Protein backbone atom coordinates (compact mmCIF):
# COMPACT_ATOMS: atom_id res chain seq x y z
CA MET A 1 133.31 78.03 41.64
CA THR A 2 134.86 76.82 38.39
CA SER A 3 137.49 74.11 38.10
CA ARG A 4 139.82 76.78 36.69
CA TYR A 5 139.53 78.72 39.99
CA TRP A 6 140.44 75.68 42.06
CA LEU A 7 143.38 74.89 39.79
CA LEU A 8 144.75 78.42 40.23
CA LEU A 9 144.24 78.18 44.01
CA LEU A 10 146.18 74.93 44.20
CA ILE A 11 148.99 76.40 42.13
CA SER A 12 149.14 79.38 44.51
CA PHE A 13 149.49 77.14 47.57
CA ALA A 14 152.17 75.11 45.84
CA THR A 15 154.08 78.29 45.06
CA ILE A 16 153.82 79.65 48.59
CA GLY A 17 154.84 76.33 50.12
CA PRO A 18 153.66 74.78 53.38
CA ILE A 19 153.03 76.97 56.40
CA THR A 20 154.19 75.16 59.53
CA LEU A 21 152.33 75.40 62.82
CA ALA A 22 155.51 76.23 64.73
CA GLU A 23 156.30 79.20 62.48
CA GLU A 24 152.80 80.63 62.79
CA THR A 25 152.17 80.06 66.50
CA HIS A 26 155.55 80.43 68.22
CA SER A 27 154.61 82.38 71.33
CA PRO A 28 156.86 81.25 74.19
CA LEU A 29 155.90 81.55 77.84
CA PHE A 30 157.82 84.00 79.99
CA GLY A 31 157.48 83.56 83.71
CA ILE A 32 158.92 83.59 87.20
CA ASP A 33 159.48 81.13 90.02
CA SER A 34 158.78 83.38 93.03
CA ASN A 35 157.97 80.88 95.73
CA TYR A 36 159.87 82.74 98.48
CA ALA A 37 157.70 85.86 98.29
CA LEU A 38 155.02 84.92 100.81
CA GLU A 39 157.56 83.61 103.31
CA MET A 40 159.64 86.80 102.96
CA GLU A 41 156.59 88.94 103.61
CA THR A 42 156.08 87.23 106.98
CA ARG A 43 159.57 88.47 107.92
CA GLY A 44 158.74 92.03 106.91
CA LYS A 45 160.65 92.03 103.63
CA THR A 46 159.50 94.42 100.91
CA TRP A 47 160.34 95.20 97.31
CA LYS A 48 160.71 98.58 95.62
CA SER A 49 160.55 99.67 92.01
CA GLU A 50 161.59 103.25 91.21
CA SER A 51 161.36 104.09 94.93
CA ASP A 52 157.76 102.86 95.19
CA ARG A 53 156.82 99.72 97.09
CA ALA A 54 156.09 96.87 94.68
CA ASP A 55 154.45 93.46 94.72
CA PRO A 56 156.85 91.16 92.83
CA PHE A 57 154.00 89.25 91.22
CA LYS A 58 152.33 92.43 89.99
CA LEU A 59 155.65 93.92 88.89
CA PHE A 60 156.47 91.00 86.61
CA GLY A 61 152.87 90.62 85.51
CA GLN A 62 152.93 94.27 84.39
CA GLN A 63 156.18 93.58 82.53
CA GLY A 64 154.28 91.02 80.47
CA CYS A 65 155.15 87.73 82.19
CA GLN A 66 152.35 85.28 81.48
CA SER A 67 153.13 82.43 83.87
CA ALA A 68 154.37 81.48 87.33
CA ARG A 69 156.07 78.25 88.33
CA ILE A 70 154.56 76.97 91.58
CA ARG A 71 156.54 74.68 93.91
CA LEU A 72 154.57 72.01 95.81
CA TRP A 73 155.94 69.75 98.53
CA VAL A 74 153.98 66.91 100.15
CA GLY A 75 151.93 68.05 103.16
CA ASP A 76 149.16 70.51 103.89
CA GLU A 77 150.78 73.09 106.17
CA GLY A 78 154.12 74.88 105.94
CA VAL A 79 156.23 76.61 103.33
CA ASN A 80 155.80 75.16 99.82
CA ARG A 81 153.12 72.75 100.98
CA LEU A 82 149.52 72.72 99.78
CA LYS A 83 148.08 75.76 101.57
CA TYR A 84 151.17 77.90 100.93
CA ALA A 85 151.48 76.80 97.29
CA THR A 86 147.79 77.55 96.70
CA GLU A 87 148.20 81.06 98.14
CA THR A 88 151.26 81.63 95.96
CA ALA A 89 149.38 80.47 92.88
CA LEU A 90 146.46 82.77 93.71
CA ARG A 91 148.82 85.74 94.05
CA ALA A 92 150.26 84.97 90.64
CA LYS A 93 146.80 84.57 89.15
CA GLN A 94 145.68 87.90 90.59
CA ALA A 95 148.69 89.50 88.88
CA GLY A 96 147.54 88.12 85.53
CA MET A 97 149.86 85.12 85.37
CA LYS A 98 148.74 81.57 84.61
CA PRO A 99 150.42 79.26 87.15
CA TYR A 100 152.00 75.93 86.30
CA LEU A 101 152.51 73.32 89.00
CA VAL A 102 155.66 71.45 89.98
CA ILE A 103 154.67 68.38 92.01
CA PHE A 104 157.97 67.63 93.74
CA LEU A 105 156.91 64.25 95.23
CA SER A 106 159.04 65.14 98.26
CA ASP A 107 158.37 66.92 101.54
CA ASP A 108 161.54 69.00 101.27
CA TRP A 109 163.99 70.08 98.61
CA ALA A 110 164.50 67.67 95.72
CA ASP A 111 166.90 68.43 92.87
CA LEU A 112 169.92 67.13 90.98
CA VAL A 113 171.75 65.98 94.12
CA LYS A 114 168.87 64.65 96.25
CA GLN A 115 165.42 63.14 95.80
CA PRO A 116 164.10 62.17 99.26
CA VAL A 117 160.94 60.11 99.66
CA PRO A 118 158.31 61.88 101.80
CA ALA A 119 158.15 60.64 105.37
CA VAL A 120 154.49 59.64 105.00
CA TRP A 121 155.37 57.24 102.17
CA LYS A 122 158.67 55.93 103.54
CA ASN A 123 157.35 52.63 104.91
CA LEU A 124 154.95 51.80 102.08
CA THR A 125 155.46 48.86 99.74
CA GLY A 126 156.12 49.64 96.09
CA ASP A 127 152.50 49.21 95.04
CA GLN A 128 151.24 51.13 98.05
CA LYS A 129 153.56 54.04 97.24
CA LEU A 130 152.39 54.18 93.63
CA ALA A 131 148.77 54.20 94.75
CA ALA A 132 149.54 56.97 97.23
CA ILE A 133 151.32 59.03 94.56
CA GLU A 134 148.41 58.74 92.13
CA SER A 135 145.84 59.61 94.81
CA TYR A 136 147.95 62.52 96.10
CA SER A 137 148.51 63.98 92.63
CA GLU A 138 144.80 63.87 91.87
CA SER A 139 143.82 65.36 95.21
CA VAL A 140 146.20 68.35 95.15
CA VAL A 141 145.08 69.36 91.66
CA LYS A 142 141.41 69.11 92.69
CA SER A 143 142.07 71.01 95.93
CA MET A 144 143.80 73.88 94.17
CA SER A 145 141.11 74.00 91.51
CA ALA A 146 138.46 74.25 94.23
CA SER A 147 140.39 77.21 95.64
CA GLY A 148 140.29 78.99 92.30
CA VAL A 149 143.55 77.89 90.68
CA ASN A 150 143.36 75.80 87.53
CA PHE A 151 146.46 74.37 85.92
CA ASP A 152 147.04 73.13 82.38
CA LEU A 153 150.79 72.58 82.66
CA PHE A 154 152.52 70.26 85.14
CA GLU A 155 156.02 69.15 86.04
CA ILE A 156 156.43 65.88 87.94
CA GLY A 157 159.56 66.11 90.05
CA ASN A 158 162.29 68.72 89.88
CA GLU A 159 165.64 68.09 88.17
CA ILE A 160 165.08 64.33 88.12
CA ASP A 161 168.22 63.37 86.18
CA PHE A 162 169.28 60.77 88.75
CA GLY A 163 166.01 59.75 90.38
CA ILE A 164 162.73 60.74 91.99
CA CYS A 165 160.80 60.12 95.22
CA GLY A 166 163.47 58.02 96.92
CA GLU A 167 164.49 56.02 93.83
CA PHE A 168 167.82 57.80 93.43
CA GLU A 169 171.42 56.99 92.60
CA GLU A 170 173.89 58.45 95.12
CA GLU A 171 177.21 57.48 93.50
CA TRP A 172 178.51 59.75 90.75
CA PRO A 173 180.27 57.05 88.64
CA LYS A 174 177.00 55.13 88.43
CA ARG A 175 175.00 58.28 87.68
CA VAL A 176 177.03 59.05 84.58
CA SER A 177 176.85 55.48 83.27
CA LEU A 178 173.98 55.44 80.78
CA GLU A 179 173.91 51.65 80.85
CA PHE A 180 173.60 51.55 84.64
CA MET A 181 170.91 54.24 84.73
CA ARG A 182 168.94 52.65 81.87
CA THR A 183 168.83 49.27 83.57
CA ARG A 184 168.86 50.07 87.30
CA ILE A 185 167.39 53.50 88.02
CA TRP A 186 165.24 54.81 85.17
CA PRO A 187 162.97 51.71 85.17
CA LYS A 188 162.19 52.42 88.85
CA MET A 189 161.32 56.02 88.01
CA VAL A 190 158.87 55.15 85.24
CA PRO A 191 156.01 53.82 87.41
CA ILE A 192 156.37 56.80 89.77
CA LEU A 193 156.11 59.31 86.93
CA LYS A 194 153.23 57.44 85.34
CA ALA A 195 151.34 57.19 88.64
CA ALA A 196 151.67 60.94 89.25
CA GLN A 197 150.66 61.77 85.69
CA ALA A 198 147.67 59.43 85.94
CA GLY A 199 146.51 61.22 89.08
CA VAL A 200 146.87 64.63 87.46
CA LEU A 201 144.97 63.47 84.38
CA LYS A 202 142.05 62.30 86.51
CA ALA A 203 141.70 65.86 87.78
CA GLN A 204 142.73 67.63 84.57
CA PRO A 205 142.29 65.45 81.46
CA LYS A 206 143.89 68.06 79.18
CA ALA A 207 147.09 68.35 81.23
CA LYS A 208 150.43 68.85 79.49
CA PHE A 209 153.64 67.61 81.12
CA ILE A 210 157.21 68.87 81.42
CA VAL A 211 159.97 66.38 82.27
CA HIS A 212 162.65 68.58 83.84
CA LEU A 213 166.37 67.78 83.93
CA SER A 214 169.34 69.83 85.08
CA GLN A 215 172.16 68.96 82.67
CA TRP A 216 171.61 71.47 79.87
CA ASN A 217 175.26 71.05 78.84
CA ASN A 218 175.06 67.24 78.68
CA VAL A 219 172.43 66.72 76.01
CA GLU A 220 173.55 63.14 75.27
CA TYR A 221 172.47 62.15 78.77
CA CYS A 222 169.26 64.15 78.64
CA LEU A 223 168.21 62.70 75.30
CA ALA A 224 168.89 59.16 76.51
CA PHE A 225 166.72 59.86 79.56
CA TRP A 226 163.83 61.45 77.70
CA GLN A 227 163.83 58.77 74.99
CA SER A 228 163.75 56.06 77.65
CA MET A 229 160.78 57.76 79.27
CA GLN A 230 158.97 58.08 75.94
CA ALA A 231 159.60 54.41 75.17
CA ALA A 232 158.00 53.55 78.53
CA GLU A 233 154.99 55.77 77.67
CA VAL A 234 155.69 58.49 80.21
CA LYS A 235 153.96 61.60 78.86
CA LEU A 236 156.42 64.20 77.61
CA ASP A 237 155.04 67.36 76.06
CA TYR A 238 158.02 69.56 76.86
CA PRO A 239 161.58 68.50 77.66
CA GLY A 240 162.56 70.87 80.46
CA LEU A 241 166.01 72.16 81.44
CA SER A 242 167.66 74.25 84.10
CA TYR A 243 170.03 76.78 82.52
CA PHE A 244 172.67 78.51 84.66
CA PRO A 245 175.60 79.38 82.37
CA SER A 246 177.66 81.03 85.11
CA SER A 247 177.91 77.62 86.80
CA VAL A 248 180.13 75.99 84.16
CA LYS A 249 183.91 76.22 83.90
CA GLU A 250 184.08 75.79 80.12
CA PRO A 251 183.75 79.26 78.50
CA ASN A 252 182.50 77.80 75.22
CA GLN A 253 179.39 76.44 76.98
CA ARG A 254 178.23 79.81 78.33
CA PRO A 255 177.17 81.78 75.21
CA PHE A 256 173.60 81.68 73.96
CA HIS A 257 174.60 80.03 70.68
CA TYR A 258 175.73 76.96 72.64
CA LEU A 259 172.32 76.68 74.33
CA GLN A 260 170.60 77.18 70.98
CA ALA A 261 172.65 74.38 69.45
CA GLN A 262 171.58 72.06 72.29
CA GLY A 263 167.96 73.12 71.84
CA ALA A 264 168.12 72.34 68.13
CA ARG A 265 169.53 68.87 68.87
CA ILE A 266 166.77 68.15 71.38
CA VAL A 267 163.99 69.24 69.03
CA ALA A 268 165.50 67.27 66.13
CA ALA A 269 165.48 64.11 68.27
CA LEU A 270 162.21 64.51 70.19
CA HIS A 271 160.14 66.85 68.01
CA LYS A 272 159.19 68.74 71.18
CA PRO A 273 160.13 72.34 72.06
CA VAL A 274 162.33 72.92 75.10
CA MET A 275 161.10 74.66 78.25
CA ILE A 276 163.73 76.51 80.27
CA CYS A 277 162.24 75.78 83.70
CA GLU A 278 164.91 77.64 85.67
CA THR A 279 167.44 80.28 84.73
CA ALA A 280 169.30 83.17 86.38
CA TYR A 281 172.46 85.25 85.98
CA PRO A 282 174.46 86.97 88.75
CA ALA A 283 174.92 90.72 89.10
CA THR A 284 178.20 90.34 91.02
CA ALA A 285 181.04 87.83 91.26
CA ASN A 286 181.36 88.24 95.01
CA PHE A 287 178.95 85.98 96.88
CA GLY A 288 179.11 82.97 99.13
CA GLY A 289 177.01 79.98 99.98
CA GLN A 290 176.15 76.88 98.02
CA PHE A 291 176.43 78.59 94.65
CA ALA A 292 179.60 80.59 95.33
CA GLU A 293 181.36 79.05 92.32
CA TRP A 294 178.55 80.05 89.95
CA ASN A 295 180.44 83.24 89.18
CA GLN A 296 181.78 82.52 85.70
CA PRO A 297 180.84 85.38 83.33
CA THR A 298 179.66 84.88 79.78
CA GLU A 299 181.76 86.95 77.38
CA GLY A 300 180.08 90.29 76.82
CA TYR A 301 178.05 90.08 80.03
CA PRO A 302 180.06 91.30 83.04
CA LEU A 303 178.85 90.32 86.50
CA THR A 304 177.34 93.72 87.27
CA ASP A 305 173.82 95.09 87.47
CA GLU A 306 174.14 96.29 83.88
CA GLY A 307 175.66 93.00 82.68
CA GLN A 308 172.85 91.04 84.33
CA ALA A 309 170.24 93.28 82.68
CA LYS A 310 171.85 92.88 79.24
CA TRP A 311 172.05 89.09 79.69
CA ILE A 312 168.38 88.90 80.70
CA ALA A 313 167.24 91.04 77.78
CA ASP A 314 169.27 89.05 75.27
CA MET A 315 168.29 85.68 76.75
CA SER A 316 164.63 86.64 76.55
CA THR A 317 165.08 87.73 72.94
CA VAL A 318 166.74 84.42 72.05
CA VAL A 319 163.77 82.46 73.42
CA ARG A 320 161.26 84.79 71.78
CA ASN A 321 162.89 84.35 68.37
CA ASP A 322 163.92 80.68 68.46
CA LYS A 323 161.03 78.27 67.87
CA ASN A 324 162.99 75.45 69.52
CA PHE A 325 162.14 77.00 72.91
CA ALA A 326 158.69 76.88 74.49
CA GLY A 327 159.38 79.24 77.36
CA LEU A 328 161.69 80.71 79.99
CA PHE A 329 161.28 81.02 83.78
CA TYR A 330 163.56 83.14 85.99
CA TRP A 331 164.28 81.38 89.27
CA SER A 332 163.64 83.34 92.48
CA PRO A 333 163.96 86.92 91.17
CA GLU A 334 162.48 88.16 94.49
CA TRP A 335 164.86 86.29 96.85
CA TYR A 336 167.34 89.01 97.79
CA GLU A 337 167.67 88.36 101.54
CA THR A 338 170.44 85.74 101.60
CA GLU A 339 173.94 85.55 100.16
CA LEU A 340 172.93 82.16 98.79
CA TRP A 341 170.97 83.89 96.02
CA ASP A 342 171.08 87.67 96.34
CA ALA A 343 173.59 87.94 93.47
CA PHE A 344 171.06 86.32 91.12
CA ALA A 345 167.96 88.11 92.41
CA LEU A 346 166.46 90.98 90.45
CA PHE A 347 166.33 93.11 93.60
CA ASN A 348 169.37 94.28 95.54
CA ARG A 349 169.98 93.70 99.26
CA GLU A 350 167.78 96.67 100.12
CA GLY A 351 164.93 95.24 98.08
CA ALA A 352 165.26 97.82 95.28
CA ALA A 353 164.66 96.54 91.76
CA ARG A 354 167.77 95.97 89.68
CA PRO A 355 167.78 97.08 86.03
CA GLY A 356 167.29 93.49 84.89
CA SER A 357 163.78 93.42 86.34
CA LYS A 358 162.67 95.63 83.44
CA TYR A 359 164.08 93.49 80.66
CA PHE A 360 163.00 89.98 81.49
CA ARG A 361 160.06 89.93 79.10
CA PRO A 362 160.94 92.02 76.01
CA LYS A 363 158.28 93.49 73.78
CA SER A 364 157.80 91.98 70.33
CA ASP A 365 159.41 93.79 67.43
């Protein structure tokens, strides 16, 4: 080819301008966290879609969901433990969804308000516990792989804003003090996270990691946390958030544009896209239980079946079109059997699919 040809080619590229990877490859994950399904089936619970019995994994897989968030507690037997989590992951895989694994590092619930150390590690010294965490993380990934489930994406801990695996701050005034957390709590979390990640990487060298926090409407705190983890060389591929807008009292924090503004701030600071690890929106304002006060509607989205469906469709479209977001996972869409969550589920109390179940994963334009 002549030098004139190459000159014209270079001029063409200069005129077009750079093509960024994010613009060309933005293809966010849409998925579900349906870890109650197997347990519900043992109690005879069923799901229906358009009057026909439905498998929730297959239903959402057919809607186009590509991924499933798998909950794993320490232990071999029992709900959410290794055998159960493996079976859940296999069900998701059979429905065409690629599972990602949340290694809770607890033997029961761990979240924003509690991070218990597993009983089997309670009496270990610090170094012994770190060794146990690394060995455990490696072994569960290898075990699930041997059963036919391979993971590329991992989350160490769940909503670890204030601690993980027993290293946890109980007092609220100390929790909200960045100086206290930076010097007293976060340094204790670093070796735990690094040990778990090291174990995962032994089993899956190409693993990517989410670091999942709860305070989507307190980005100053979240950024301080993530930046501290990065400085300590904890692997962070995706900053993860829980997003439940009906839980906040401030109306200005509920609309999508507020979330998008927080996402833009996170990406500007970390240069990593945000994963929405958990989200949901209620279909009624009348429910009890732990989340009874999560009944604050976003303007334009009434707390009805139709309002829930519209919110889900629009939320999914926001994530699909905004390159600051890496994905979106609906939390427990199948869990309709308790007033604790039936308002947020995508099936009513009779197990019939709500309209929102059809709009979670919108088609591309």
